[in-house]
Amino acid sequence: MIVVAGEALIDLVPHDRGDALTPLRPVRGGGPYNTAVALGRLGSETAFCSRLSTDAFGTSLVERLVSEGVSTQLVQRGPEPTTLAVASVAADGSASYTFYTGGTADRLFTLPDALPDRTRAASFGTCSLVLEPGASAYEELMRRESARGVFVALDPNVRAELIPDPDAYRARFRGWLPHVSLLKLSEEDAAWLGAGLPELAAAGPAAVVLTRGGDGLTVLTRGGARYSVPAAPVEVVDTIGAGDTVNAALLHALARRDLLAPGALAALGADGWGEILAFASRAAAVTCSRAGAEPPYAREVGGASL
């Protein structure tokens, strides 16, 4: 099982680009939530670990997890409202967000007693590692699971507008890296964090995957090997959920190769990484080809053949 820990929210996505007053369409989202849904669609056994509202949005979020085959046994519930993210989509399809997080349910996540015994990997990231008091609980979960040999994936997916003290966050981020097996981040994340791939790889992760938009994907391993693949061609509708899909596709591909174990990534060479990165690129392209965070099913990207 792959456990995805973090927030779920509602994205309010504009109907038309470039019109500030265009109608907004509610779409279920949040980086970790999108990752869990993508893993479920690709065919990985997945559980979502979070705290969701009992309001109508929260109920809808849970219903979708169930419909996509994602376990909700680790989902906590509360009466507080669901977090909202208002998306702004540029002419090239790239998205930016304004968040409404005050007093929302996902901020009150508490450390679960234990993850299921069959948990092989745990994935973390985005707002859930910023917004207290839940952020400290997620961080404790990360450290605890890493200590017991669980493969830890981290996608910081930096939302700078939610970070009141950037230097404190950067220091905290570096403190997570010794506990991380796979770090996935965008070029924008790396620039904001002020860190290059060699520095990040040397800080602990067995591999660092960098998403480069239309220029493709690059991985740098702890041993210093670097491999890249081009972006899969696609007519972009929007990029919402693309990075989350990459995260899910990487974990799914590693799981299919039985590489979610301490030290296992060291066995991957150019051919293996090339296939895994190309799979992630194809998966992200499908997500970019449709509005909102709608990741692909395995049949759409050849996932069953990994």
C-alpha atoms as a PDB file:
ATOM      1  CA  MET A   1       0.000   0.000   0.000  1.00  0.00           C
ATOM      2  CA  ILE A   2       1.059   3.584  -0.727  1.00  0.00           C
ATOM      3  CA  VAL A   3      -0.244   6.067   1.852  1.00  0.00           C
ATOM      4  CA  VAL A   4      -0.665   9.658   0.683  1.00  0.00           C
ATOM      5  CA  ALA A   5      -0.751  12.117   3.581  1.00  0.00           C
ATOM      6  CA  GLY A   6      -1.863  15.734   3.203  1.00  0.00           C
ATOM      7  CA  GLU A   7      -4.662  18.107   2.408  1.00  0.00           C
ATOM      8  CA  ALA A   8      -7.744  17.802   0.266  1.00  0.00           C
ATOM      9  CA  LEU A   9      -9.569  20.941  -0.836  1.00  0.00           C
ATOM     10  CA  ILE A  10     -11.875  22.397  -3.430  1.00  0.00           C
ATOM     11  CA  ASP A  11     -10.326  24.218  -6.396  1.00  0.00           C
ATOM     12  CA  LEU A  12     -12.555  26.929  -7.851  1.00  0.00           C
ATOM     13  CA  VAL A  13     -11.544  26.860 -11.510  1.00  0.00           C
ATOM     14  CA  PRO A  14     -12.472  29.689 -13.923  1.00  0.00           C
ATOM     15  CA  HIS A  15     -14.681  28.795 -16.848  1.00  0.00           C
ATOM     16  CA  ASP A  16     -12.886  31.229 -19.188  1.00  0.00           C
ATOM     17  CA  ARG A  17      -9.266  32.339 -19.131  1.00  0.00           C
ATOM     18  CA  GLY A  18      -8.490  36.011 -18.686  1.00  0.00           C
ATOM     19  CA  ASP A  19     -11.880  37.038 -17.265  1.00  0.00           C
ATOM     20  CA  ALA A  20     -11.729  37.813 -13.548  1.00  0.00           C
ATOM     21  CA  LEU A  21     -15.526  37.581 -13.236  1.00  0.00           C
ATOM     22  CA  THR A  22     -16.049  34.367 -15.171  1.00  0.00           C
ATOM     23  CA  PRO A  23     -18.076  31.680 -13.347  1.00  0.00           C
ATOM     24  CA  LEU A  24     -16.014  29.396 -11.107  1.00  0.00           C
ATOM     25  CA  ARG A  25     -16.409  25.631 -11.250  1.00  0.00           C
ATOM     26  CA  PRO A  26     -15.744  23.661  -8.019  1.00  0.00           C
ATOM     27  CA  VAL A  27     -13.274  20.835  -8.585  1.00  0.00           C
ATOM     28  CA  ARG A  28     -11.954  18.407  -5.997  1.00  0.00           C
ATOM     29  CA  GLY A  29      -8.235  18.908  -5.497  1.00  0.00           C
ATOM     30  CA  GLY A  30      -5.226  19.509  -3.293  1.00  0.00           C
ATOM     31  CA  GLY A  31      -1.785  18.156  -4.173  1.00  0.00           C
ATOM     32  CA  PRO A  32      -1.845  15.048  -1.940  1.00  0.00           C
ATOM     33  CA  TYR A  33      -5.489  14.354  -2.790  1.00  0.00           C
ATOM     34  CA  ASN A  34      -4.734  14.525  -6.525  1.00  0.00           C
ATOM     35  CA  THR A  35      -1.775  12.198  -5.992  1.00  0.00           C
ATOM     36  CA  ALA A  36      -3.960   9.658  -4.189  1.00  0.00           C
ATOM     37  CA  VAL A  37      -6.618   9.762  -6.916  1.00  0.00           C
ATOM     38  CA  ALA A  38      -3.955   9.379  -9.620  1.00  0.00           C
ATOM     39  CA  LEU A  39      -2.443   6.370  -7.831  1.00  0.00           C
ATOM     40  CA  GLY A  40      -5.870   4.794  -7.556  1.00  0.00           C
ATOM     41  CA  ARG A  41      -6.548   5.318 -11.253  1.00  0.00           C
ATOM     42  CA  LEU A  42      -3.166   3.860 -12.197  1.00  0.00           C
ATOM     43  CA  GLY A  43      -3.933   0.737 -10.183  1.00  0.00           C
ATOM     44  CA  SER A  44      -1.800   1.075  -7.056  1.00  0.00           C
ATOM     45  CA  GLU A  45      -3.282   0.088  -3.701  1.00  0.00           C
ATOM     46  CA  THR A  46      -3.597   3.480  -2.032  1.00  0.00           C
ATOM     47  CA  ALA A  47      -4.851   5.016   1.213  1.00  0.00           C
ATOM     48  CA  PHE A  48      -5.444   8.690   1.894  1.00  0.00           C
ATOM     49  CA  CYS A  49      -4.404  10.067   5.289  1.00  0.00           C
ATOM     50  CA  SER A  50      -5.914  13.454   6.113  1.00  0.00           C
ATOM     51  CA  ARG A  51      -8.647  15.293   7.979  1.00  0.00           C
ATOM     52  CA  LEU A  52     -11.696  16.259   5.926  1.00  0.00           C
ATOM     53  CA  SER A  53     -14.753  18.321   6.696  1.00  0.00           C
ATOM     54  CA  THR A  54     -18.179  16.821   7.249  1.00  0.00           C
ATOM     55  CA  ASP A  55     -19.630  19.591   5.044  1.00  0.00           C
ATOM     56  CA  ALA A  56     -20.918  18.901   1.527  1.00  0.00           C
ATOM     57  CA  PHE A  57     -17.509  19.530  -0.073  1.00  0.00           C
ATOM     58  CA  GLY A  58     -15.789  17.201   2.385  1.00  0.00           C
ATOM     59  CA  THR A  59     -18.370  14.501   1.769  1.00  0.00           C
ATOM     60  CA  SER A  60     -17.839  14.870  -1.979  1.00  0.00           C
ATOM     61  CA  LEU A  61     -14.072  14.529  -1.497  1.00  0.00           C
ATOM     62  CA  VAL A  62     -14.550  11.270   0.424  1.00  0.00           C
ATOM     63  CA  GLU A  63     -17.015   9.925  -2.128  1.00  0.00           C
ATOM     64  CA  ARG A  64     -14.546  10.434  -4.946  1.00  0.00           C
ATOM     65  CA  LEU A  65     -11.789   8.622  -3.055  1.00  0.00           C
ATOM     66  CA  VAL A  66     -14.097   5.660  -2.602  1.00  0.00           C
ATOM     67  CA  SER A  67     -15.143   5.680  -6.260  1.00  0.00           C
ATOM     68  CA  GLU A  68     -11.481   5.702  -7.357  1.00  0.00           C
ATOM     69  CA  GLY A  69     -10.630   2.742  -5.122  1.00  0.00           C
ATOM     70  CA  VAL A  70      -8.633   4.747  -2.563  1.00  0.00           C
ATOM     71  CA  SER A  71      -8.963   3.583   1.043  1.00  0.00           C
ATOM     72  CA  THR A  72     -10.383   6.159   3.483  1.00  0.00           C
ATOM     73  CA  GLN A  73      -9.540   4.202   6.649  1.00  0.00           C
ATOM     74  CA  LEU A  74      -6.999   6.879   7.636  1.00  0.00           C
ATOM     75  CA  VAL A  75      -9.282   9.847   6.937  1.00  0.00           C
ATOM     76  CA  GLN A  76     -10.273  11.893   9.997  1.00  0.00           C
ATOM     77  CA  ARG A  77     -13.449  14.011   9.867  1.00  0.00           C
ATOM     78  CA  GLY A  78     -14.443  17.296  11.521  1.00  0.00           C
ATOM     79  CA  PRO A  79     -17.186  19.951  11.323  1.00  0.00           C
ATOM     80  CA  GLU A  80     -14.899  22.798  10.215  1.00  0.00           C
ATOM     81  CA  PRO A  81     -15.245  24.003   6.583  1.00  0.00           C
ATOM     82  CA  THR A  82     -13.296  22.672   3.620  1.00  0.00           C
ATOM     83  CA  THR A  83     -10.283  24.658   2.386  1.00  0.00           C
ATOM     84  CA  LEU A  84     -10.882  26.565  -0.869  1.00  0.00           C
ATOM     85  CA  ALA A  85      -8.337  27.453  -3.561  1.00  0.00           C
ATOM     86  CA  VAL A  86      -9.348  29.937  -6.261  1.00  0.00           C
ATOM     87  CA  ALA A  87      -7.400  29.148  -9.420  1.00  0.00           C
ATOM     88  CA  SER A  88      -6.286  31.683 -12.017  1.00  0.00           C
ATOM     89  CA  VAL A  89      -5.353  30.126 -15.359  1.00  0.00           C
ATOM     90  CA  ALA A  90      -2.964  32.009 -17.665  1.00  0.00           C
ATOM     91  CA  ALA A  91      -3.056  31.973 -21.459  1.00  0.00           C
ATOM     92  CA  ASP A  92      -0.496  29.120 -21.552  1.00  0.00           C
ATOM     93  CA  GLY A  93      -2.587  26.999 -19.192  1.00  0.00           C
ATOM     94  CA  SER A  94      -0.400  27.517 -16.119  1.00  0.00           C
ATOM     95  CA  ALA A  95      -2.314  27.995 -12.871  1.00  0.00           C
ATOM     96  CA  SER A  96      -1.832  30.107  -9.764  1.00  0.00           C
ATOM     97  CA  TYR A  97      -3.952  30.030  -6.618  1.00  0.00           C
ATOM     98  CA  THR A  98      -5.429  32.121  -3.831  1.00  0.00           C
ATOM     99  CA  PHE A  99      -6.118  30.020  -0.720  1.00  0.00           C
ATOM    100  CA  TYR A 100      -8.823  30.325   1.914  1.00  0.00           C
ATOM    101  CA  THR A 101      -7.563  28.249   4.834  1.00  0.00           C
ATOM    102  CA  GLY A 102      -8.716  29.998   8.026  1.00  0.00           C
ATOM    103  CA  GLY A 103     -10.237  27.520  10.487  1.00  0.00           C
ATOM    104  CA  THR A 104     -10.534  24.724   7.939  1.00  0.00           C
ATOM    105  CA  ALA A 105     -10.745  21.029   8.773  1.00  0.00           C
ATOM    106  CA  ASP A 106      -7.493  19.845   7.197  1.00  0.00           C
ATOM    107  CA  ARG A 107      -5.403  22.118   9.431  1.00  0.00           C
ATOM    108  CA  LEU A 108      -6.493  20.104  12.480  1.00  0.00           C
ATOM    109  CA  PHE A 109      -5.027  16.771  11.361  1.00  0.00           C
ATOM    110  CA  THR A 110      -3.607  14.717  14.252  1.00  0.00           C
ATOM    111  CA  LEU A 111      -0.967  11.988  14.199  1.00  0.00           C
ATOM    112  CA  PRO A 112      -2.553   8.554  13.589  1.00  0.00           C
ATOM    113  CA  ASP A 113      -1.599   5.733  15.927  1.00  0.00           C
ATOM    114  CA  ALA A 114      -0.215   3.596  13.104  1.00  0.00           C
ATOM    115  CA  LEU A 115      -0.300   3.112   9.368  1.00  0.00           C
ATOM    116  CA  PRO A 116      -1.392  -0.263   7.977  1.00  0.00           C
ATOM    117  CA  ASP A 117       1.224  -2.998   8.284  1.00  0.00           C
ATOM    118  CA  ARG A 118       1.394  -3.391   4.495  1.00  0.00           C
ATOM    119  CA  THR A 119       2.386   0.262   3.949  1.00  0.00           C
ATOM    120  CA  ARG A 120       5.413   0.356   1.645  1.00  0.00           C
ATOM    121  CA  ALA A 121       5.587   4.080   0.941  1.00  0.00           C
ATOM    122  CA  ALA A 122       4.244   7.328   2.355  1.00  0.00           C
ATOM    123  CA  SER A 123       3.956  10.510   0.310  1.00  0.00           C
ATOM    124  CA  PHE A 124       3.864  14.047   1.770  1.00  0.00           C
ATOM    125  CA  GLY A 125       3.743  17.631   0.536  1.00  0.00           C
ATOM    126  CA  THR A 126       2.138  20.964  -0.280  1.00  0.00           C
ATOM    127  CA  CYS A 127       0.025  23.055   2.128  1.00  0.00           C
ATOM    128  CA  SER A 128      -0.230  20.304   4.725  1.00  0.00           C
ATOM    129  CA  LEU A 129       3.432  20.784   5.672  1.00  0.00           C
ATOM    130  CA  VAL A 130       2.941  24.547   6.115  1.00  0.00           C
ATOM    131  CA  LEU A 131      -0.330  25.136   7.946  1.00  0.00           C
ATOM    132  CA  GLU A 132      -0.211  24.512  11.685  1.00  0.00           C
ATOM    133  CA  PRO A 133      -1.065  22.719  13.862  1.00  0.00           C
ATOM    134  CA  GLY A 134      -1.498  19.939  11.303  1.00  0.00           C
ATOM    135  CA  ALA A 135       1.906  20.583   9.696  1.00  0.00           C
ATOM    136  CA  SER A 136       3.747  19.395  12.801  1.00  0.00           C
ATOM    137  CA  ALA A 137       1.619  16.238  12.915  1.00  0.00           C
ATOM    138  CA  TYR A 138       2.408  15.436   9.271  1.00  0.00           C
ATOM    139  CA  GLU A 139       6.095  16.085   9.913  1.00  0.00           C
ATOM    140  CA  GLU A 140       6.061  13.740  12.908  1.00  0.00           C
ATOM    141  CA  LEU A 141       4.359  11.091  10.770  1.00  0.00           C
ATOM    142  CA  MET A 142       7.055  11.493   8.103  1.00  0.00           C
ATOM    143  CA  ARG A 143       9.874  11.075  10.592  1.00  0.00           C
ATOM    144  CA  ARG A 144       8.201   8.135  12.330  1.00  0.00           C
ATOM    145  CA  GLU A 145       7.531   6.190   9.154  1.00  0.00           C
ATOM    146  CA  SER A 146      11.008   6.863   7.771  1.00  0.00           C
ATOM    147  CA  ALA A 147      12.522   5.538  11.013  1.00  0.00           C
ATOM    148  CA  ARG A 148      10.674   2.257  10.618  1.00  0.00           C
ATOM    149  CA  GLY A 149      11.898   1.768   7.044  1.00  0.00           C
ATOM    150  CA  VAL A 150       8.960   3.097   5.013  1.00  0.00           C
ATOM    151  CA  PHE A 151       9.896   4.658   1.663  1.00  0.00           C
ATOM    152  CA  VAL A 152       9.155   8.400   1.990  1.00  0.00           C
ATOM    153  CA  ALA A 153       8.317  10.604  -0.993  1.00  0.00           C
ATOM    154  CA  LEU A 154       8.169  14.392  -0.701  1.00  0.00           C
ATOM    155  CA  ASP A 155       6.720  16.933  -3.131  1.00  0.00           C
ATOM    156  CA  PRO A 156       7.026  20.386  -1.496  1.00  0.00           C
ATOM    157  CA  ASN A 157       4.826  22.004  -4.187  1.00  0.00           C
ATOM    158  CA  VAL A 158       5.658  25.386  -2.651  1.00  0.00           C
ATOM    159  CA  ARG A 159       2.783  27.821  -2.135  1.00  0.00           C
ATOM    160  CA  ALA A 160       4.758  30.917  -1.171  1.00  0.00           C
ATOM    161  CA  GLU A 161       1.661  32.947  -0.317  1.00  0.00           C
ATOM    162  CA  LEU A 162       0.965  30.577   2.587  1.00  0.00           C
ATOM    163  CA  ILE A 163       4.484  30.778   4.059  1.00  0.00           C
ATOM    164  CA  PRO A 164       4.886  33.733   6.464  1.00  0.00           C
ATOM    165  CA  ASP A 165       8.599  33.095   7.169  1.00  0.00           C
ATOM    166  CA  PRO A 166      10.357  31.776   4.040  1.00  0.00           C
ATOM    167  CA  ASP A 167      13.734  31.305   5.736  1.00  0.00           C
ATOM    168  CA  ALA A 168      12.186  29.268   8.544  1.00  0.00           C
ATOM    169  CA  TYR A 169      10.372  27.086   6.016  1.00  0.00           C
ATOM    170  CA  ARG A 170      13.547  26.558   3.974  1.00  0.00           C
ATOM    171  CA  ALA A 171      15.387  25.441   7.116  1.00  0.00           C
ATOM    172  CA  ARG A 172      12.533  23.113   8.028  1.00  0.00           C
ATOM    173  CA  PHE A 173      12.485  21.698   4.497  1.00  0.00           C
ATOM    174  CA  ARG A 174      16.187  20.871   4.694  1.00  0.00           C
ATOM    175  CA  GLY A 175      15.506  19.099   7.985  1.00  0.00           C
ATOM    176  CA  TRP A 176      13.095  16.744   6.203  1.00  0.00           C
ATOM    177  CA  LEU A 177      15.532  15.643   3.500  1.00  0.00           C
ATOM    178  CA  PRO A 178      17.479  13.047   5.531  1.00  0.00           C
ATOM    179  CA  HIS A 179      14.160  11.216   6.006  1.00  0.00           C
ATOM    180  CA  VAL A 180      13.202  11.306   2.305  1.00  0.00           C
ATOM    181  CA  SER A 181      13.833   8.577  -0.274  1.00  0.00           C
ATOM    182  CA  LEU A 182      12.379  10.363  -3.326  1.00  0.00           C
ATOM    183  CA  LEU A 183      12.141  14.141  -3.673  1.00  0.00           C
ATOM    184  CA  LYS A 184      10.051  15.508  -6.540  1.00  0.00           C
ATOM    185  CA  LEU A 185       9.906  19.237  -7.167  1.00  0.00           C
ATOM    186  CA  SER A 186       9.468  21.757  -9.956  1.00  0.00           C
ATOM    187  CA  GLU A 187      12.009  24.225 -11.304  1.00  0.00           C
ATOM    188  CA  GLU A 188       9.979  26.968  -9.613  1.00  0.00           C
ATOM    189  CA  ASP A 189      10.138  25.108  -6.289  1.00  0.00           C
ATOM    190  CA  ALA A 190      13.892  24.677  -6.556  1.00  0.00           C
ATOM    191  CA  ALA A 191      14.415  28.345  -7.404  1.00  0.00           C
ATOM    192  CA  TRP A 192      12.261  29.495  -4.461  1.00  0.00           C
ATOM    193  CA  LEU A 193      14.046  27.101  -2.105  1.00  0.00           C
ATOM    194  CA  GLY A 194      17.406  28.349  -3.372  1.00  0.00           C
ATOM    195  CA  ALA A 195      18.710  24.834  -3.934  1.00  0.00           C
ATOM    196  CA  GLY A 196      20.202  23.028  -6.904  1.00  0.00           C
ATOM    197  CA  LEU A 197      19.856  19.324  -7.685  1.00  0.00           C
ATOM    198  CA  PRO A 198      23.344  18.342  -6.434  1.00  0.00           C
ATOM    199  CA  GLU A 199      22.758  20.073  -3.106  1.00  0.00           C
ATOM    200  CA  LEU A 200      19.367  18.447  -2.691  1.00  0.00           C
ATOM    201  CA  ALA A 201      20.610  14.968  -3.612  1.00  0.00           C
ATOM    202  CA  ALA A 202      23.515  15.293  -1.177  1.00  0.00           C
ATOM    203  CA  ALA A 203      21.115  16.149   1.664  1.00  0.00           C
ATOM    204  CA  GLY A 204      19.635  12.676   1.889  1.00  0.00           C
ATOM    205  CA  PRO A 205      17.211  11.591  -0.871  1.00  0.00           C
ATOM    206  CA  ALA A 206      18.177   8.592  -2.968  1.00  0.00           C
ATOM    207  CA  ALA A 207      16.857  10.462  -6.007  1.00  0.00           C
ATOM    208  CA  VAL A 208      15.634  13.963  -6.860  1.00  0.00           C
ATOM    209  CA  VAL A 209      13.236  14.376  -9.782  1.00  0.00           C
ATOM    210  CA  LEU A 210      12.888  17.852 -11.286  1.00  0.00           C
ATOM    211  CA  THR A 211       9.865  18.741 -13.419  1.00  0.00           C
ATOM    212  CA  ARG A 212      10.792  21.265 -16.120  1.00  0.00           C
ATOM    213  CA  GLY A 213       7.440  22.002 -17.731  1.00  0.00           C
ATOM    214  CA  GLY A 214       7.660  21.765 -21.497  1.00  0.00           C
ATOM    215  CA  ASP A 215      11.325  20.750 -21.237  1.00  0.00           C
ATOM    216  CA  GLY A 216      10.562  17.409 -19.591  1.00  0.00           C
ATOM    217  CA  LEU A 217      11.840  15.642 -16.482  1.00  0.00           C
ATOM    218  CA  THR A 218      15.300  15.163 -14.981  1.00  0.00           C
ATOM    219  CA  VAL A 219      16.462  12.896 -12.164  1.00  0.00           C
ATOM    220  CA  LEU A 220      19.683  13.150 -10.177  1.00  0.00           C
ATOM    221  CA  THR A 221      20.585  10.151  -8.043  1.00  0.00           C
ATOM    222  CA  ARG A 222      22.523  10.136  -4.792  1.00  0.00           C
ATOM    223  CA  GLY A 223      25.380   8.526  -6.720  1.00  0.00           C
ATOM    224  CA  GLY A 224      25.569  11.499  -9.091  1.00  0.00           C
ATOM    225  CA  ALA A 225      23.929   9.967 -12.171  1.00  0.00           C
ATOM    226  CA  ARG A 226      21.666  12.313 -14.127  1.00  0.00           C
ATOM    227  CA  TYR A 227      19.015  11.241 -16.627  1.00  0.00           C
ATOM    228  CA  SER A 228      16.435  13.285 -18.546  1.00  0.00           C
ATOM    229  CA  VAL A 229      13.442  12.710 -20.816  1.00  0.00           C
ATOM    230  CA  PRO A 230      11.575  15.230 -22.984  1.00  0.00           C
ATOM    231  CA  ALA A 231       8.027  16.268 -22.225  1.00  0.00           C
ATOM    232  CA  ALA A 232       5.342  14.225 -23.929  1.00  0.00           C
ATOM    233  CA  PRO A 233       3.658  16.324 -26.638  1.00  0.00           C
ATOM    234  CA  VAL A 234       0.265  17.679 -25.636  1.00  0.00           C
ATOM    235  CA  GLU A 235      -2.130  20.523 -26.335  1.00  0.00           C
ATOM    236  CA  VAL A 236      -2.380  22.056 -22.881  1.00  0.00           C
ATOM    237  CA  VAL A 237      -5.810  22.913 -21.485  1.00  0.00           C
ATOM    238  CA  ASP A 238      -4.378  23.675 -18.050  1.00  0.00           C
ATOM    239  CA  THR A 239      -1.599  22.369 -15.802  1.00  0.00           C
ATOM    240  CA  ILE A 240      -3.729  21.791 -12.695  1.00  0.00           C
ATOM    241  CA  GLY A 241      -2.675  18.498 -11.119  1.00  0.00           C
ATOM    242  CA  ALA A 242       0.172  17.818 -13.557  1.00  0.00           C
ATOM    243  CA  GLY A 243       2.894  17.770 -10.900  1.00  0.00           C
ATOM    244  CA  ASP A 244       0.721  15.629  -8.633  1.00  0.00           C
ATOM    245  CA  THR A 245       0.283  13.170 -11.502  1.00  0.00           C
ATOM    246  CA  VAL A 246       4.060  13.000 -11.964  1.00  0.00           C
ATOM    247  CA  ASN A 247       4.419  12.240  -8.269  1.00  0.00           C
ATOM    248  CA  ALA A 248       1.847   9.446  -8.466  1.00  0.00           C
ATOM    249  CA  ALA A 249       3.265   8.007 -11.677  1.00  0.00           C
ATOM    250  CA  LEU A 250       6.758   7.833 -10.198  1.00  0.00           C
ATOM    251  CA  LEU A 251       5.506   5.999  -7.106  1.00  0.00           C
ATOM    252  CA  HIS A 252       3.337   3.666  -9.163  1.00  0.00           C
ATOM    253  CA  ALA A 253       6.186   2.795 -11.515  1.00  0.00           C
ATOM    254  CA  LEU A 254       8.601   2.188  -8.640  1.00  0.00           C
ATOM    255  CA  ALA A 255       6.043  -0.008  -6.889  1.00  0.00           C
ATOM    256  CA  ARG A 256       5.520  -2.091 -10.042  1.00  0.00           C
ATOM    257  CA  ARG A 257       9.280  -2.671 -10.153  1.00  0.00           C
ATOM    258  CA  ASP A 258       9.393  -3.542  -6.429  1.00  0.00           C
ATOM    259  CA  LEU A 259      11.686  -0.573  -5.733  1.00  0.00           C
ATOM    260  CA  LEU A 260       9.879   0.922  -2.730  1.00  0.00           C
ATOM    261  CA  ALA A 261      12.449  -0.288  -0.238  1.00  0.00           C
ATOM    262  CA  PRO A 262      15.519   1.226   1.467  1.00  0.00           C
ATOM    263  CA  GLY A 263      18.437   1.347  -0.957  1.00  0.00           C
ATOM    264  CA  ALA A 264      16.415  -0.051  -3.854  1.00  0.00           C
ATOM    265  CA  LEU A 265      16.749   3.022  -6.081  1.00  0.00           C
ATOM    266  CA  ALA A 266      20.497   2.474  -6.305  1.00  0.00           C
ATOM    267  CA  ALA A 267      19.789  -0.438  -8.650  1.00  0.00           C
ATOM    268  CA  LEU A 268      18.159   1.791 -11.275  1.00  0.00           C
ATOM    269  CA  GLY A 269      20.247   2.751 -14.281  1.00  0.00           C
ATOM    270  CA  ALA A 270      19.680   4.804 -17.408  1.00  0.00           C
ATOM    271  CA  ASP A 271      17.175   2.419 -19.018  1.00  0.00           C
ATOM    272  CA  GLY A 272      15.085   2.006 -15.870  1.00  0.00           C
ATOM    273  CA  TRP A 273      14.973   5.691 -15.044  1.00  0.00           C
ATOM    274  CA  GLY A 274      14.279   6.537 -18.679  1.00  0.00           C
ATOM    275  CA  GLU A 275      11.222   4.275 -18.736  1.00  0.00           C
ATOM    276  CA  ILE A 276       9.936   5.564 -15.393  1.00  0.00           C
ATOM    277  CA  LEU A 277      10.390   9.226 -16.294  1.00  0.00           C
ATOM    278  CA  ALA A 278       8.813   8.725 -19.713  1.00  0.00           C
ATOM    279  CA  PHE A 279       5.810   7.059 -18.068  1.00  0.00           C
ATOM    280  CA  ALA A 280       5.459  10.001 -15.663  1.00  0.00           C
ATOM    281  CA  SER A 281       5.737  12.448 -18.558  1.00  0.00           C
ATOM    282  CA  ARG A 282       2.983  10.677 -20.509  1.00  0.00           C
ATOM    283  CA  ALA A 283       0.740  10.605 -17.445  1.00  0.00           C
ATOM    284  CA  ALA A 284       1.214  14.329 -16.818  1.00  0.00           C
ATOM    285  CA  ALA A 285       0.467  15.094 -20.467  1.00  0.00           C
ATOM    286  CA  VAL A 286      -2.916  13.390 -20.181  1.00  0.00           C
ATOM    287  CA  THR A 287      -3.727  15.500 -17.112  1.00  0.00           C
ATOM    288  CA  CYS A 288      -2.708  18.676 -18.950  1.00  0.00           C
ATOM    289  CA  SER A 289      -4.970  17.774 -21.861  1.00  0.00           C
ATOM    290  CA  ARG A 290      -8.153  18.227 -19.787  1.00  0.00           C
ATOM    291  CA  ALA A 291      -9.519  20.835 -17.434  1.00  0.00           C
ATOM    292  CA  GLY A 292      -8.859  20.545 -13.711  1.00  0.00           C
ATOM    293  CA  ALA A 293      -7.000  17.780 -11.931  1.00  0.00           C
ATOM    294  CA  GLU A 294      -8.164  14.760 -13.927  1.00  0.00           C
ATOM    295  CA  PRO A 295      -5.284  12.267 -13.904  1.00  0.00           C
ATOM    296  CA  PRO A 296      -5.170   9.325 -16.312  1.00  0.00           C
ATOM    297  CA  TYR A 297      -6.135   5.704 -15.855  1.00  0.00           C
ATOM    298  CA  ALA A 298      -3.489   3.052 -16.503  1.00  0.00           C
ATOM    299  CA  ARG A 299      -4.988   2.181 -19.895  1.00  0.00           C
ATOM    300  CA  GLU A 300      -4.357   5.746 -21.080  1.00  0.00           C
ATOM    301  CA  VAL A 301      -0.600   5.652 -20.451  1.00  0.00           C
ATOM    302  CA  GLY A 302       0.355   1.995 -20.726  1.00  0.00           C
ATOM    303  CA  GLY A 303       0.626   1.612 -16.951  1.00  0.00           C
ATOM    304  CA  ALA A 304      -0.044  -2.112 -16.983  1.00  0.00           C
ATOM    305  CA  SER A 305       3.110  -2.742 -19.028  1.00  0.00           C
ATOM    306  CA  LEU A 306       5.587  -1.266 -16.550  1.00  0.00           C
END
